Amino acid sequence: VKRQVYDTCKNTRYISPYETLLGSYEEKNEQIPNTYSC
């Protein structure tokens, strides 16, 4: 559910894509890029 909340908030631009409190998709992560984590 938390991932779904992050997706909705990001897609509606309610939060910055750089917000970390709701997690992120680690676009620049060296281990697992583009995977939701917190």
Full PDB file with SEQRES, HELIX, SHEET, SSBOND, CRYST1, ORIGX, SCALE, CONECT and MASTER records, all heavy atoms in Angstrom:
SEQRES   1 A   38  VAL LYS ARG GLN VAL TYR ASP THR CYS LYS ASN THR ARG          
SEQRES   2 A   38  TYR ILE SER PRO TYR GLU THR LEU LEU GLY SER TYR GLU          
SEQRES   3 A   38  GLU LYS ASN GLU GLN ILE PRO ASN THR TYR SER CYS              
HELIX    1 AA1 LYS A    2  ASN A   11  1                                  10    
CRYST1    1.000    1.000    1.000  90.00  90.00  90.00 P 1           1          
ORIGX1      1.000000  0.000000  0.000000        0.00000                         
ORIGX2      0.000000  1.000000  0.000000        0.00000                         
ORIGX3      0.000000  0.000000  1.000000        0.00000                         
SCALE1      1.000000  0.000000  0.000000        0.00000                         
SCALE2      0.000000  1.000000  0.000000        0.00000                         
SCALE3      0.000000  0.000000  1.000000        0.00000                         
ATOM      1  N   VAL A   1       0.839  -1.207   0.000  1.00  0.00           N  
ATOM      2  CA  VAL A   1       0.000   0.000   0.000  1.00  0.00           C  
ATOM      3  C   VAL A   1       0.870   1.251   0.000  1.00  0.00           C  
ATOM      4  O   VAL A   1       0.577   2.234  -0.689  1.00  0.00           O  
ATOM      5  CB  VAL A   1      -0.962  -0.004   1.202  1.00  0.00           C  
ATOM      6  CG1 VAL A   1      -1.663   1.347   1.339  1.00  0.00           C  
ATOM      7  CG2 VAL A   1      -1.996  -1.101   1.055  1.00  0.00           C  
ATOM      8  N   LYS A   2       1.955   1.210   0.751  1.00  0.00           N  
ATOM      9  CA  LYS A   2       2.845   2.372   0.803  1.00  0.00           C  
ATOM     10  C   LYS A   2       3.428   2.660  -0.578  1.00  0.00           C  
ATOM     11  O   LYS A   2       3.526   3.823  -0.987  1.00  0.00           O  
ATOM     12  CB  LYS A   2       3.967   2.139   1.810  1.00  0.00           C  
ATOM     13  CG  LYS A   2       4.875   3.366   1.993  1.00  0.00           C  
ATOM     14  CD  LYS A   2       5.837   3.202   3.154  1.00  0.00           C  
ATOM     15  CE  LYS A   2       6.664   4.470   3.326  1.00  0.00           C  
ATOM     16  NZ  LYS A   2       7.556   4.407   4.497  1.00  0.00           N  
ATOM     17  N   ARG A   3       3.798   1.619  -1.305  1.00  0.00           N  
ATOM     18  CA  ARG A   3       4.291   1.812  -2.670  1.00  0.00           C  
ATOM     19  C   ARG A   3       3.210   2.443  -3.540  1.00  0.00           C  
ATOM     20  O   ARG A   3       3.492   3.344  -4.346  1.00  0.00           O  
ATOM     21  CB  ARG A   3       4.744   0.488  -3.281  1.00  0.00           C  
ATOM     22  CG  ARG A   3       5.300   0.648  -4.703  1.00  0.00           C  
ATOM     23  CD  ARG A   3       5.788  -0.657  -5.293  1.00  0.00           C  
ATOM     24  NE  ARG A   3       4.686  -1.577  -5.559  1.00  0.00           N  
ATOM     25  CZ  ARG A   3       4.838  -2.728  -6.227  1.00  0.00           C  
ATOM     26  NH1 ARG A   3       6.035  -3.104  -6.665  1.00  0.00           N  
ATOM     27  NH2 ARG A   3       3.812  -3.519  -6.431  1.00  0.00           N  
ATOM     28  N   GLN A   4       1.964   2.001  -3.389  1.00  0.00           N  
ATOM     29  CA  GLN A   4       0.859   2.562  -4.164  1.00  0.00           C  
ATOM     30  C   GLN A   4       0.656   4.038  -3.836  1.00  0.00           C  
ATOM     31  O   GLN A   4       0.415   4.866  -4.730  1.00  0.00           O  
ATOM     32  CB  GLN A   4      -0.426   1.775  -3.875  1.00  0.00           C  
ATOM     33  CG  GLN A   4      -1.626   2.207  -4.703  1.00  0.00           C  
ATOM     34  CD  GLN A   4      -2.864   1.416  -4.358  1.00  0.00           C  
ATOM     35  OE1 GLN A   4      -3.112   1.102  -3.196  1.00  0.00           O  
ATOM     36  NE2 GLN A   4      -3.654   1.079  -5.372  1.00  0.00           N  
ATOM     37  N   VAL A   5       0.780   4.393  -2.556  1.00  0.00           N  
ATOM     38  CA  VAL A   5       0.660   5.791  -2.143  1.00  0.00           C  
ATOM     39  C   VAL A   5       1.762   6.621  -2.779  1.00  0.00           C  
ATOM     40  O   VAL A   5       1.515   7.726  -3.296  1.00  0.00           O  
ATOM     41  CB  VAL A   5       0.705   5.907  -0.600  1.00  0.00           C  
ATOM     42  CG1 VAL A   5       0.827   7.365  -0.169  1.00  0.00           C  
ATOM     43  CG2 VAL A   5      -0.532   5.273   0.012  1.00  0.00           C  
ATOM     44  N   TYR A   6       2.990   6.110  -2.758  1.00  0.00           N  
ATOM     45  CA  TYR A   6       4.096   6.822  -3.384  1.00  0.00           C  
ATOM     46  C   TYR A   6       3.829   7.030  -4.872  1.00  0.00           C  
ATOM     47  O   TYR A   6       4.020   8.140  -5.400  1.00  0.00           O  
ATOM     48  CB  TYR A   6       5.411   6.059  -3.205  1.00  0.00           C  
ATOM     49  CG  TYR A   6       6.568   6.695  -3.933  1.00  0.00           C  
ATOM     50  CD1 TYR A   6       7.309   7.712  -3.339  1.00  0.00           C  
ATOM     51  CD2 TYR A   6       6.894   6.323  -5.229  1.00  0.00           C  
ATOM     52  CE1 TYR A   6       8.354   8.328  -4.015  1.00  0.00           C  
ATOM     53  CE2 TYR A   6       7.942   6.923  -5.914  1.00  0.00           C  
ATOM     54  CZ  TYR A   6       8.664   7.920  -5.304  1.00  0.00           C  
ATOM     55  OH  TYR A   6       9.691   8.534  -5.981  1.00  0.00           O  
ATOM     56  N   ASP A   7       3.384   5.978  -5.565  1.00  0.00           N  
ATOM     57  CA  ASP A   7       3.113   6.071  -7.003  1.00  0.00           C  
ATOM     58  C   ASP A   7       2.075   7.148  -7.304  1.00  0.00           C  
ATOM     59  O   ASP A   7       2.251   7.972  -8.210  1.00  0.00           O  
ATOM     60  CB  ASP A   7       2.616   4.723  -7.546  1.00  0.00           C  
ATOM     61  CG  ASP A   7       3.715   3.676  -7.598  1.00  0.00           C  
ATOM     62  OD1 ASP A   7       4.900   4.045  -7.506  1.00  0.00           O  
ATOM     63  OD2 ASP A   7       3.381   2.480  -7.730  1.00  0.00           O  
ATOM     64  N   THR A   8       0.992   7.143  -6.529  1.00  0.00           N  
ATOM     65  CA  THR A   8      -0.084   8.118  -6.748  1.00  0.00           C  
ATOM     66  C   THR A   8       0.403   9.533  -6.490  1.00  0.00           C  
ATOM     67  O   THR A   8       0.153  10.454  -7.280  1.00  0.00           O  
ATOM     68  CB  THR A   8      -1.293   7.803  -5.845  1.00  0.00           C  
ATOM     69  OG1 THR A   8      -1.787   6.507  -6.165  1.00  0.00           O  
ATOM     70  CG2 THR A   8      -2.399   8.833  -6.036  1.00  0.00           C  
ATOM     71  N   CYS A   9       1.117   9.729  -5.379  1.00  0.00           N  
ATOM     72  CA  CYS A   9       1.608  11.069  -5.036  1.00  0.00           C  
ATOM     73  C   CYS A   9       2.600  11.574  -6.085  1.00  0.00           C  
ATOM     74  O   CYS A   9       2.573  12.752  -6.466  1.00  0.00           O  
ATOM     75  CB  CYS A   9       2.255  11.051  -3.663  1.00  0.00           C  
ATOM     76  SG  CYS A   9       1.090  10.876  -2.294  1.00  0.00           S  
ATOM     77  N   LYS A  10       3.452  10.689  -6.573  1.00  0.00           N  
ATOM     78  CA  LYS A  10       4.436  11.098  -7.572  1.00  0.00           C  
ATOM     79  C   LYS A  10       3.757  11.406  -8.910  1.00  0.00           C  
ATOM     80  O   LYS A  10       4.066  12.408  -9.563  1.00  0.00           O  
ATOM     81  CB  LYS A  10       5.484  10.006  -7.761  1.00  0.00           C  
ATOM     82  CG  LYS A  10       6.593  10.396  -8.737  1.00  0.00           C  
ATOM     83  CD  LYS A  10       7.642   9.298  -8.854  1.00  0.00           C  
ATOM     84  CE  LYS A  10       8.727   9.687  -9.850  1.00  0.00           C  
ATOM     85  NZ  LYS A  10       9.751   8.620  -9.993  1.00  0.00           N  
ATOM     86  N   ASN A  11       2.819  10.549  -9.310  1.00  0.00           N  
ATOM     87  CA  ASN A  11       2.158  10.724 -10.610  1.00  0.00           C  
ATOM     88  C   ASN A  11       1.270  11.972 -10.643  1.00  0.00           C  
ATOM     89  O   ASN A  11       1.047  12.554 -11.704  1.00  0.00           O  
ATOM     90  CB  ASN A  11       1.328   9.490 -10.955  1.00  0.00           C  
ATOM     91  CG  ASN A  11       2.192   8.279 -11.254  1.00  0.00           C  
ATOM     92  OD1 ASN A  11       3.358   8.417 -11.603  1.00  0.00           O  
ATOM     93  ND2 ASN A  11       1.634   7.090 -11.102  1.00  0.00           N  
ATOM     94  N   THR A  12       0.744  12.359  -9.493  1.00  0.00           N  
ATOM     95  CA  THR A  12      -0.083  13.568  -9.432  1.00  0.00           C  
ATOM     96  C   THR A  12       0.742  14.795  -9.058  1.00  0.00           C  
ATOM     97  O   THR A  12       0.202  15.877  -8.845  1.00  0.00           O  
ATOM     98  CB  THR A  12      -1.218  13.394  -8.407  1.00  0.00           C  
ATOM     99  OG1 THR A  12      -0.658  13.084  -7.121  1.00  0.00           O  
ATOM    100  CG2 THR A  12      -2.161  12.280  -8.828  1.00  0.00           C  
ATOM    101  N   ARG A  13       2.059  14.579  -8.949  1.00  0.00           N  
ATOM    102  CA  ARG A  13       3.002  15.648  -8.611  1.00  0.00           C  
ATOM    103  C   ARG A  13       2.725  16.264  -7.248  1.00  0.00           C  
ATOM    104  O   ARG A  13       3.023  17.432  -7.005  1.00  0.00           O  
ATOM    105  CB  ARG A  13       2.995  16.735  -9.698  1.00  0.00           C  
ATOM    106  CG  ARG A  13       3.439  16.212 -11.065  1.00  0.00           C  
ATOM    107  CD  ARG A  13       3.509  17.310 -12.086  1.00  0.00           C  
ATOM    108  NE  ARG A  13       3.941  16.769 -13.390  1.00  0.00           N  
ATOM    109  CZ  ARG A  13       4.113  17.498 -14.481  1.00  0.00           C  
ATOM    110  NH1 ARG A  13       3.894  18.816 -14.439  1.00  0.00           N  
ATOM    111  NH2 ARG A  13       4.501  16.945 -15.611  1.00  0.00           N  
ATOM    112  N   TYR A  14       2.133  15.453  -6.372  1.00  0.00           N  
ATOM    113  CA  TYR A  14       1.889  15.918  -5.012  1.00  0.00           C  
ATOM    114  C   TYR A  14       3.198  15.987  -4.232  1.00  0.00           C  
ATOM    115  O   TYR A  14       3.345  16.777  -3.315  1.00  0.00           O  
ATOM    116  CB  TYR A  14       0.897  14.991  -4.299  1.00  0.00           C  
ATOM    117  CG  TYR A  14       0.500  15.452  -2.921  1.00  0.00           C  
ATOM    118  CD1 TYR A  14      -0.415  16.490  -2.755  1.00  0.00           C  
ATOM    119  CD2 TYR A  14       1.052  14.871  -1.784  1.00  0.00           C  
ATOM    120  CE1 TYR A  14      -0.766  16.931  -1.484  1.00  0.00           C  
ATOM    121  CE2 TYR A  14       0.706  15.299  -0.516  1.00  0.00           C  
ATOM    122  CZ  TYR A  14      -0.205  16.331  -0.372  1.00  0.00           C  
ATOM    123  OH  TYR A  14      -0.551  16.764   0.881  1.00  0.00           O  
ATOM    124  N   ILE A  15       4.142  15.116  -4.606  1.00  0.00           N  
ATOM    125  CA  ILE A  15       5.454  15.135  -3.969  1.00  0.00           C  
ATOM    126  C   ILE A  15       6.525  15.216  -5.045  1.00  0.00           C  
ATOM    127  O   ILE A  15       6.295  14.878  -6.205  1.00  0.00           O  
ATOM    128  CB  ILE A  15       5.716  13.883  -3.112  1.00  0.00           C  
ATOM    129  CG1 ILE A  15       5.666  12.613  -3.968  1.00  0.00           C  
ATOM    130  CG2 ILE A  15       4.755  13.795  -1.958  1.00  0.00           C  
ATOM    131  CD1 ILE A  15       6.116  11.372  -3.225  1.00  0.00           C  
ATOM    132  N   SER A  16       7.688  15.669  -4.646  1.00  0.00           N  
ATOM    133  CA  SER A  16       8.829  15.677  -5.541  1.00  0.00           C  
ATOM    134  C   SER A  16       9.295  14.248  -5.775  1.00  0.00           C  
ATOM    135  O   SER A  16       9.219  13.410  -4.873  1.00  0.00           O  
ATOM    136  CB  SER A  16       9.969  16.491  -4.916  1.00  0.00           C  
ATOM    137  OG  SER A  16      11.201  16.191  -5.542  1.00  0.00           O  
ATOM    138  N   PRO A  17       9.790  13.933  -6.972  1.00  0.00           N  
ATOM    139  CA  PRO A  17      10.333  12.593  -7.202  1.00  0.00           C  
ATOM    140  C   PRO A  17      11.553  12.296  -6.343  1.00  0.00           C  
ATOM    141  O   PRO A  17      11.989  11.157  -6.259  1.00  0.00           O  
ATOM    142  CB  PRO A  17      10.700  12.608  -8.691  1.00  0.00           C  
ATOM    143  CG  PRO A  17      10.852  14.051  -9.049  1.00  0.00           C  
ATOM    144  CD  PRO A  17       9.848  14.765  -8.178  1.00  0.00           C  
ATOM    145  N   TYR A  18      12.093  13.339  -5.697  1.00  0.00           N  
ATOM    146  CA  TYR A  18      13.260  13.157  -4.846  1.00  0.00           C  
ATOM    147  C   TYR A  18      12.883  12.985  -3.374  1.00  0.00           C  
ATOM    148  O   TYR A  18      13.746  12.849  -2.526  1.00  0.00           O  
ATOM    149  CB  TYR A  18      14.215  14.341  -5.010  1.00  0.00           C  
ATOM    150  CG  TYR A  18      14.621  14.547  -6.443  1.00  0.00           C  
ATOM    151  CD1 TYR A  18      14.092  15.582  -7.192  1.00  0.00           C  
ATOM    152  CD2 TYR A  18      15.523  13.676  -7.070  1.00  0.00           C  
ATOM    153  CE1 TYR A  18      14.446  15.756  -8.530  1.00  0.00           C  
ATOM    154  CE2 TYR A  18      15.883  13.839  -8.403  1.00  0.00           C  
ATOM    155  CZ  TYR A  18      15.344  14.877  -9.125  1.00  0.00           C  
ATOM    156  OH  TYR A  18      15.687  15.045 -10.438  1.00  0.00           O  
ATOM    157  N   GLU A  19      11.591  13.005  -3.075  1.00  0.00           N  
ATOM    158  CA  GLU A  19      11.129  12.790  -1.705  1.00  0.00           C  
ATOM    159  C   GLU A  19      11.530  11.388  -1.235  1.00  0.00           C  
ATOM    160  O   GLU A  19      11.466  10.429  -1.995  1.00  0.00           O  
ATOM    161  CB  GLU A  19       9.606  12.955  -1.646  1.00  0.00           C  
ATOM    162  CG  GLU A  19       9.007  12.690  -0.281  1.00  0.00           C  
ATOM    163  CD  GLU A  19       9.566  13.622   0.778  1.00  0.00           C  
ATOM    164  OE1 GLU A  19       9.290  14.816   0.716  1.00  0.00           O  
ATOM    165  OE2 GLU A  19      10.293  13.117   1.645  1.00  0.00           O  
ATOM    166  N   THR A  20      11.968  11.275   0.010  1.00  0.00           N  
ATOM    167  CA  THR A  20      12.431   9.977   0.508  1.00  0.00           C  
ATOM    168  C   THR A  20      11.574   9.407   1.629  1.00  0.00           C  
ATOM    169  O   THR A  20      11.659   8.221   1.917  1.00  0.00           O  
ATOM    170  CB  THR A  20      13.874  10.093   1.034  1.00  0.00           C  
ATOM    171  OG1 THR A  20      13.922  11.063   2.101  1.00  0.00           O  
ATOM    172  CG2 THR A  20      14.817  10.498  -0.074  1.00  0.00           C  
ATOM    173  N   LEU A  21      10.753  10.199   2.265  1.00  0.00           N  
ATOM    174  CA  LEU A  21      10.000   9.716   3.415  1.00  0.00           C  
ATOM    175  C   LEU A  21       8.995   8.635   3.032  1.00  0.00           C  
ATOM    176  O   LEU A  21       8.660   7.776   3.849  1.00  0.00           O  
ATOM    177  CB  LEU A  21       9.284  10.884   4.108  1.00  0.00           C  
ATOM    178  CG  LEU A  21      10.199  11.941   4.733  1.00  0.00           C  
ATOM    179  CD1 LEU A  21       9.368  13.052   5.359  1.00  0.00           C  
ATOM    180  CD2 LEU A  21      11.115  11.319   5.779  1.00  0.00           C  
ATOM    181  N   LEU A  22       8.496   8.670   1.804  1.00  0.00           N  
ATOM    182  CA  LEU A  22       7.580   7.640   1.325  1.00  0.00           C  
ATOM    183  C   LEU A  22       8.303   6.561   0.533  1.00  0.00           C  
ATOM    184  O   LEU A  22       7.669   5.665  -0.017  1.00  0.00           O  
ATOM    185  CB  LEU A  22       6.470   8.258   0.456  1.00  0.00           C  
ATOM    186  CG  LEU A  22       5.362   9.001   1.184  1.00  0.00           C  
ATOM    187  CD1 LEU A  22       4.387   9.624   0.190  1.00  0.00           C  
ATOM    188  CD2 LEU A  22       4.604   8.057   2.130  1.00  0.00           C  
ATOM    189  N   GLY A  23       9.625   6.626   0.482  1.00  0.00           N  
ATOM    190  CA  GLY A  23      10.384   5.668  -0.293  1.00  0.00           C  
ATOM    191  C   GLY A  23      10.767   6.244  -1.642  1.00  0.00           C  
ATOM    192  O   GLY A  23      10.563   7.430  -1.917  1.00  0.00           O  
ATOM    193  N   SER A  24      11.317   5.394  -2.516  1.00  0.00           N  
ATOM    194  CA  SER A  24      11.700   5.839  -3.846  1.00  0.00           C  
ATOM    195  C   SER A  24      11.927   4.618  -4.736  1.00  0.00           C  
ATOM    196  O   SER A  24      11.905   3.479  -4.269  1.00  0.00           O  
ATOM    197  CB  SER A  24      12.990   6.678  -3.801  1.00  0.00           C  
ATOM    198  OG  SER A  24      14.110   5.845  -3.573  1.00  0.00           O  
ATOM    199  N   TYR A  25      12.174   4.884  -5.999  1.00  0.00           N  
ATOM    200  CA  TYR A  25      12.466   3.812  -6.942  1.00  0.00           C  
ATOM    201  C   TYR A  25      13.959   3.690  -7.253  1.00  0.00           C  
ATOM    202  O   TYR A  25      14.328   3.011  -8.199  1.00  0.00           O  
ATOM    203  CB  TYR A  25      11.661   4.003  -8.230  1.00  0.00           C  
ATOM    204  CG  TYR A  25      10.274   3.413  -8.122  1.00  0.00           C  
ATOM    205  CD1 TYR A  25       9.237   4.150  -7.556  1.00  0.00           C  
ATOM    206  CD2 TYR A  25      10.004   2.122  -8.552  1.00  0.00           C  
ATOM    207  CE1 TYR A  25       7.968   3.618  -7.432  1.00  0.00           C  
ATOM    208  CE2 TYR A  25       8.741   1.578  -8.431  1.00  0.00           C  
ATOM    209  CZ  TYR A  25       7.719   2.333  -7.869  1.00  0.00           C  
ATOM    210  OH  TYR A  25       6.463   1.797  -7.743  1.00  0.00           O  
ATOM    211  N   GLU A  26      14.784   4.322  -6.468  1.00  0.00           N  
ATOM    212  CA  GLU A  26      16.231   4.124  -6.544  1.00  0.00           C  
ATOM    213  C   GLU A  26      16.772   4.211  -7.975  1.00  0.00           C  
ATOM    214  O   GLU A  26      17.524   3.357  -8.431  1.00  0.00           O  
ATOM    215  CB  GLU A  26      16.618   2.748  -5.990  1.00  0.00           C  
ATOM    216  CG  GLU A  26      16.158   2.480  -4.584  1.00  0.00           C  
ATOM    217  CD  GLU A  26      16.679   1.140  -4.068  1.00  0.00           C  
ATOM    218  OE1 GLU A  26      16.350   0.088  -4.639  1.00  0.00           O  
ATOM    219  OE2 GLU A  26      17.427   1.160  -3.087  1.00  0.00           O  
ATOM    220  N   GLU A  27      16.363   5.238  -8.698  1.00  0.00           N  
ATOM    221  CA  GLU A  27      16.793   5.347 -10.100  1.00  0.00           C  
ATOM    222  C   GLU A  27      18.304   5.286 -10.255  1.00  0.00           C  
ATOM    223  O   GLU A  27      18.827   4.745 -11.230  1.00  0.00           O  
ATOM    224  CB  GLU A  27      16.265   6.645 -10.725  1.00  0.00           C  
ATOM    225  CG  GLU A  27      14.766   6.653 -11.004  1.00  0.00           C  
ATOM    226  CD  GLU A  27      13.937   7.092  -9.806  1.00  0.00           C  
ATOM    227  OE1 GLU A  27      14.512   7.239  -8.709  1.00  0.00           O  
ATOM    228  OE2 GLU A  27      12.715   7.300  -9.955  1.00  0.00           O  
ATOM    229  N   LYS A  28      19.049   5.825  -9.277  1.00  0.00           N  
ATOM    230  CA  LYS A  28      20.505   5.870  -9.377  1.00  0.00           C  
ATOM    231  C   LYS A  28      21.186   4.813  -8.501  1.00  0.00           C  
ATOM    232  O   LYS A  28      22.393   4.845  -8.320  1.00  0.00           O  
ATOM    233  CB  LYS A  28      21.003   7.266  -8.990  1.00  0.00           C  
ATOM    234  CG  LYS A  28      20.508   8.367  -9.934  1.00  0.00           C  
ATOM    235  CD  LYS A  28      21.058   9.717  -9.537  1.00  0.00           C  
ATOM    236  CE  LYS A  28      20.562  10.813 -10.477  1.00  0.00           C  
ATOM    237  NZ  LYS A  28      21.085  12.150 -10.093  1.00  0.00           N  
ATOM    238  N   ASN A  29      20.393   3.874  -7.960  1.00  0.00           N  
ATOM    239  CA  ASN A  29      20.973   2.857  -7.099  1.00  0.00           C  
ATOM    240  C   ASN A  29      21.851   1.903  -7.895  1.00  0.00           C  
ATOM    241  O   ASN A  29      21.452   1.420  -8.952  1.00  0.00           O  
ATOM    242  CB  ASN A  29      19.859   2.080  -6.396  1.00  0.00           C  
ATOM    243  CG  ASN A  29      20.380   1.112  -5.354  1.00  0.00           C  
ATOM    244  OD1 ASN A  29      20.811   0.015  -5.661  1.00  0.00           O  
ATOM    245  ND2 ASN A  29      20.340   1.536  -4.101  1.00  0.00           N  
ATOM    246  N   GLU A  30      23.048   1.627  -7.396  1.00  0.00           N  
ATOM    247  CA  GLU A  30      23.989   0.770  -8.110  1.00  0.00           C  
ATOM    248  C   GLU A  30      23.614  -0.708  -8.025  1.00  0.00           C  
ATOM    249  O   GLU A  30      23.964  -1.496  -8.893  1.00  0.00           O  
ATOM    250  CB  GLU A  30      25.405   0.973  -7.559  1.00  0.00           C  
ATOM    251  CG  GLU A  30      25.959   2.376  -7.805  1.00  0.00           C  
ATOM    252  CD  GLU A  30      27.351   2.547  -7.234  1.00  0.00           C  
ATOM    253  OE1 GLU A  30      27.850   1.574  -6.620  1.00  0.00           O  
ATOM    254  OE2 GLU A  30      27.933   3.631  -7.395  1.00  0.00           O  
ATOM    255  N   GLN A  31      22.874  -1.091  -6.976  1.00  0.00           N  
ATOM    256  CA  GLN A  31      22.537  -2.502  -6.806  1.00  0.00           C  
ATOM    257  C   GLN A  31      21.254  -2.887  -7.546  1.00  0.00           C  
ATOM    258  O   GLN A  31      21.260  -3.793  -8.383  1.00  0.00           O  
ATOM    259  CB  GLN A  31      22.379  -2.831  -5.320  1.00  0.00           C  
ATOM    260  CG  GLN A  31      23.677  -2.855  -4.542  1.00  0.00           C  
ATOM    261  CD  GLN A  31      23.455  -3.324  -3.112  1.00  0.00           C  
ATOM    262  OE1 GLN A  31      22.332  -3.344  -2.607  1.00  0.00           O  
ATOM    263  NE2 GLN A  31      24.537  -3.704  -2.450  1.00  0.00           N  
ATOM    264  N   ILE A  32      20.158  -2.198  -7.231  1.00  0.00           N  
ATOM    265  CA  ILE A  32      18.852  -2.537  -7.806  1.00  0.00           C  
ATOM    266  C   ILE A  32      18.194  -1.255  -8.321  1.00  0.00           C  
ATOM    267  O   ILE A  32      17.400  -0.627  -7.626  1.00  0.00           O  
ATOM    268  CB  ILE A  32      17.919  -3.193  -6.771  1.00  0.00           C  
ATOM    269  CG1 ILE A  32      18.596  -4.362  -6.086  1.00  0.00           C  
ATOM    270  CG2 ILE A  32      16.628  -3.651  -7.443  1.00  0.00           C  
ATOM    271  CD1 ILE A  32      18.684  -5.623  -6.912  1.00  0.00           C  
ATOM    272  N   PRO A  33      18.486  -0.833  -9.542  1.00  0.00           N  
ATOM    273  CA  PRO A  33      17.871   0.397 -10.052  1.00  0.00           C  
ATOM    274  C   PRO A  33      16.386   0.224 -10.369  1.00  0.00           C  
ATOM    275  O   PRO A  33      15.941  -0.864 -10.745  1.00  0.00           O  
ATOM    276  CB  PRO A  33      18.682   0.676 -11.328  1.00  0.00           C  
ATOM    277  CG  PRO A  33      19.176  -0.669 -11.760  1.00  0.00           C  
ATOM    278  CD  PRO A  33      19.441  -1.428 -10.498  1.00  0.00           C  
ATOM    279  N   ASN A  34      15.630   1.300 -10.172  1.00  0.00           N  
ATOM    280  CA  ASN A  34      14.211   1.349 -10.541  1.00  0.00           C  
ATOM    281  C   ASN A  34      13.353   0.321  -9.815  1.00  0.00           C  
ATOM    282  O   ASN A  34      12.383  -0.211 -10.373  1.00  0.00           O  
ATOM    283  CB  ASN A  34      14.056   1.196 -12.055  1.00  0.00           C  
ATOM    284  CG  ASN A  34      14.813   2.254 -12.826  1.00  0.00           C  
ATOM    285  OD1 ASN A  34      14.699   3.454 -12.540  1.00  0.00           O  
ATOM    286  ND2 ASN A  34      15.629   1.828 -13.784  1.00  0.00           N  
ATOM    287  N   THR A  35      13.686   0.034  -8.583  1.00  0.00           N  
ATOM    288  CA  THR A  35      12.894  -0.872  -7.745  1.00  0.00           C  
ATOM    289  C   THR A  35      12.500  -0.130  -6.471  1.00  0.00           C  
ATOM    290  O   THR A  35      13.340   0.506  -5.840  1.00  0.00           O  
ATOM    291  CB  THR A  35      13.699  -2.142  -7.413  1.00  0.00           C  
ATOM    292  OG1 THR A  35      13.849  -2.914  -8.604  1.00  0.00           O  
ATOM    293  CG2 THR A  35      12.999  -2.990  -6.367  1.00  0.00           C  
ATOM    294  N   TYR A  36      11.233  -0.233  -6.089  1.00  0.00           N  
ATOM    295  CA  TYR A  36      10.735   0.520  -4.936  1.00  0.00           C  
ATOM    296  C   TYR A  36      11.393   0.039  -3.645  1.00  0.00           C  
ATOM    297  O   TYR A  36      11.482  -1.164  -3.376  1.00  0.00           O  
ATOM    298  CB  TYR A  36       9.220   0.384  -4.809  1.00  0.00           C  
ATOM    299  CG  TYR A  36       8.670   1.110  -3.610  1.00  0.00           C  
ATOM    300  CD1 TYR A  36       8.573   2.499  -3.604  1.00  0.00           C  
ATOM    301  CD2 TYR A  36       8.292   0.418  -2.467  1.00  0.00           C  
ATOM    302  CE1 TYR A  36       8.100   3.178  -2.491  1.00  0.00           C  
ATOM    303  CE2 TYR A  36       7.816   1.081  -1.353  1.00  0.00           C  
ATOM    304  CZ  TYR A  36       7.720   2.466  -1.372  1.00  0.00           C  
ATOM    305  OH  TYR A  36       7.259   3.133  -0.257  1.00  0.00           O  
ATOM    306  N   SER A  37      11.823   0.996  -2.855  1.00  0.00           N  
ATOM    307  CA  SER A  37      12.452   0.678  -1.578  1.00  0.00           C  
ATOM    308  C   SER A  37      12.247   1.828  -0.607  1.00  0.00           C  
ATOM    309  O   SER A  37      11.832   2.927  -0.998  1.00  0.00           O  
ATOM    310  CB  SER A  37      13.954   0.435  -1.764  1.00  0.00           C  
ATOM    311  OG  SER A  37      14.586   1.639  -2.139  1.00  0.00           O  
ATOM    312  N   CYS A  38      12.549   1.569   0.645  1.00  0.00           N  
ATOM    313  CA  CYS A  38      12.445   2.630   1.653  1.00  0.00           C  
ATOM    314  C   CYS A  38      13.470   2.406   2.756  1.00  0.00           C  
ATOM    315  O   CYS A  38      13.514   1.342   3.373  1.00  0.00           O  
ATOM    316  CB  CYS A  38      11.046   2.670   2.258  1.00  0.00           C  
ATOM    317  SG  CYS A  38      10.774   4.116   3.320  1.00  0.00           S  
TER     318      CYS A  38                                                      
MASTER        0    0    0    1    0    0    0    6  317    1    0    3          
END                                                                             
